[in-house]
Amino acid sequence: MVPLCGSIKHPILVAPVDQLAGTTNKLERLAQIREAFRVLAALDRTNALRAAKQFTNTTERETALLALVTEWTQGDLNSPVDRARAIAT
């Protein structure tokens, strides 16, 4: 079970994101983020997105968001340019 914090109305996932705090190797950390968010993708989408948005590091946030969208679309992704355009608008 994934622990939650925040209000009952709007719980925010804190794990497994908090469990990654001890990782120092960037490559290992990104791999752990991908795996954690692959699992979170099967849970509530709103909470999964909130958890991804908690990252202040843009590379880690992008890794989490890409893991979510990859799972949600079963790997059928638009081109990176199209995704960037959609985010910008």
Protein backbone atom coordinates (compact mmCIF):
# COMPACT_ATOMS: atom_id res chain seq x y z
CA MET A 1 0.00 0.00 0.00
CA VAL A 2 1.22 3.50 -0.84
CA PRO A 3 1.23 5.89 2.15
CA LEU A 4 -0.59 9.16 1.69
CA CYS A 5 -0.39 12.60 3.23
CA GLY A 6 -2.46 15.71 2.81
CA SER A 7 -6.14 16.19 3.42
CA ILE A 8 -8.64 13.37 3.13
CA LYS A 9 -10.21 15.17 0.17
CA HIS A 10 -6.92 15.61 -1.65
CA PRO A 11 -4.37 13.05 -0.47
CA ILE A 12 -0.92 13.35 -1.96
CA LEU A 13 1.26 10.32 -2.55
CA VAL A 14 4.54 10.54 -0.68
CA ALA A 15 5.88 7.06 -1.31
CA PRO A 16 7.65 5.59 -3.13
CA VAL A 17 9.02 9.06 -4.00
CA ASP A 18 10.30 9.63 -0.45
CA GLN A 19 11.97 6.22 -0.47
CA LEU A 20 14.29 7.44 -3.22
CA ALA A 21 15.92 10.09 -1.02
CA GLY A 22 18.95 7.89 -0.20
CA THR A 23 19.90 7.25 -3.83
CA THR A 24 23.01 9.17 -4.92
CA ASN A 25 23.64 7.69 -8.39
CA LYS A 26 21.61 9.71 -10.93
CA LEU A 27 21.09 6.82 -13.32
CA GLU A 28 19.91 4.55 -10.53
CA ARG A 29 17.60 7.26 -9.16
CA LEU A 30 15.97 7.81 -12.57
CA ALA A 31 15.49 4.05 -12.98
CA GLN A 32 13.85 3.89 -9.55
CA ILE A 33 11.60 6.84 -10.41
CA ARG A 34 10.52 5.15 -13.66
CA GLU A 35 9.69 1.94 -11.82
CA ALA A 36 7.88 3.71 -8.98
CA PHE A 37 5.72 5.70 -11.38
CA ARG A 38 5.05 2.66 -13.53
CA VAL A 39 3.44 1.19 -10.41
CA LEU A 40 1.68 4.46 -9.51
CA ALA A 41 0.17 4.61 -13.00
CA ALA A 42 -2.09 1.70 -12.03
CA LEU A 43 -3.48 3.69 -9.10
CA ASP A 44 -5.45 6.93 -9.02
CA ARG A 45 -4.31 9.15 -11.92
CA THR A 46 -4.83 12.43 -10.08
CA ASN A 47 -2.69 11.32 -7.17
CA ALA A 48 -0.04 9.93 -9.50
CA LEU A 49 0.19 13.29 -11.28
CA ARG A 50 0.35 15.14 -7.97
CA ALA A 51 3.20 12.90 -6.87
CA ALA A 52 5.10 13.56 -10.11
CA LYS A 53 4.62 17.31 -9.76
CA GLN A 54 6.26 17.22 -6.32
CA PHE A 55 9.68 16.80 -7.94
CA THR A 56 11.61 20.05 -8.06
CA ASN A 57 14.31 18.57 -10.30
CA THR A 58 13.00 18.94 -13.87
CA THR A 59 14.72 15.79 -15.16
CA GLU A 60 13.19 13.72 -12.37
CA ARG A 61 9.77 15.29 -12.94
CA GLU A 62 9.96 14.59 -16.67
CA THR A 63 11.03 10.99 -15.97
CA ALA A 64 8.05 10.49 -13.65
CA LEU A 65 5.56 12.09 -16.05
CA LEU A 66 6.89 10.12 -19.04
CA ALA A 67 6.63 6.88 -17.06
CA LEU A 68 3.00 7.70 -16.27
CA VAL A 69 1.99 8.60 -19.82
CA THR A 70 3.84 5.58 -21.22
CA GLU A 71 1.85 3.27 -18.96
CA TRP A 72 -1.45 5.05 -19.57
CA THR A 73 -1.05 4.88 -23.36
CA GLN A 74 0.49 1.37 -23.38
CA GLY A 75 3.58 2.87 -25.03
CA ASP A 76 1.69 4.52 -27.88
CA LEU A 77 3.28 7.96 -27.46
CA ASN A 78 3.17 11.00 -29.67
CA SER A 79 6.47 12.40 -30.91
CA PRO A 80 8.56 14.36 -28.39
CA VAL A 81 7.91 17.56 -30.36
CA ASP A 82 4.14 17.02 -30.21
CA ARG A 83 4.33 16.25 -26.47
CA ALA A 84 6.39 19.40 -25.82
CA ARG A 85 3.95 21.48 -27.85
CA ALA A 86 0.99 20.09 -25.89
CA ILE A 87 2.71 20.91 -22.59
CA ALA A 88 3.54 24.45 -23.76
CA THR A 89 -0.03 25.27 -24.71
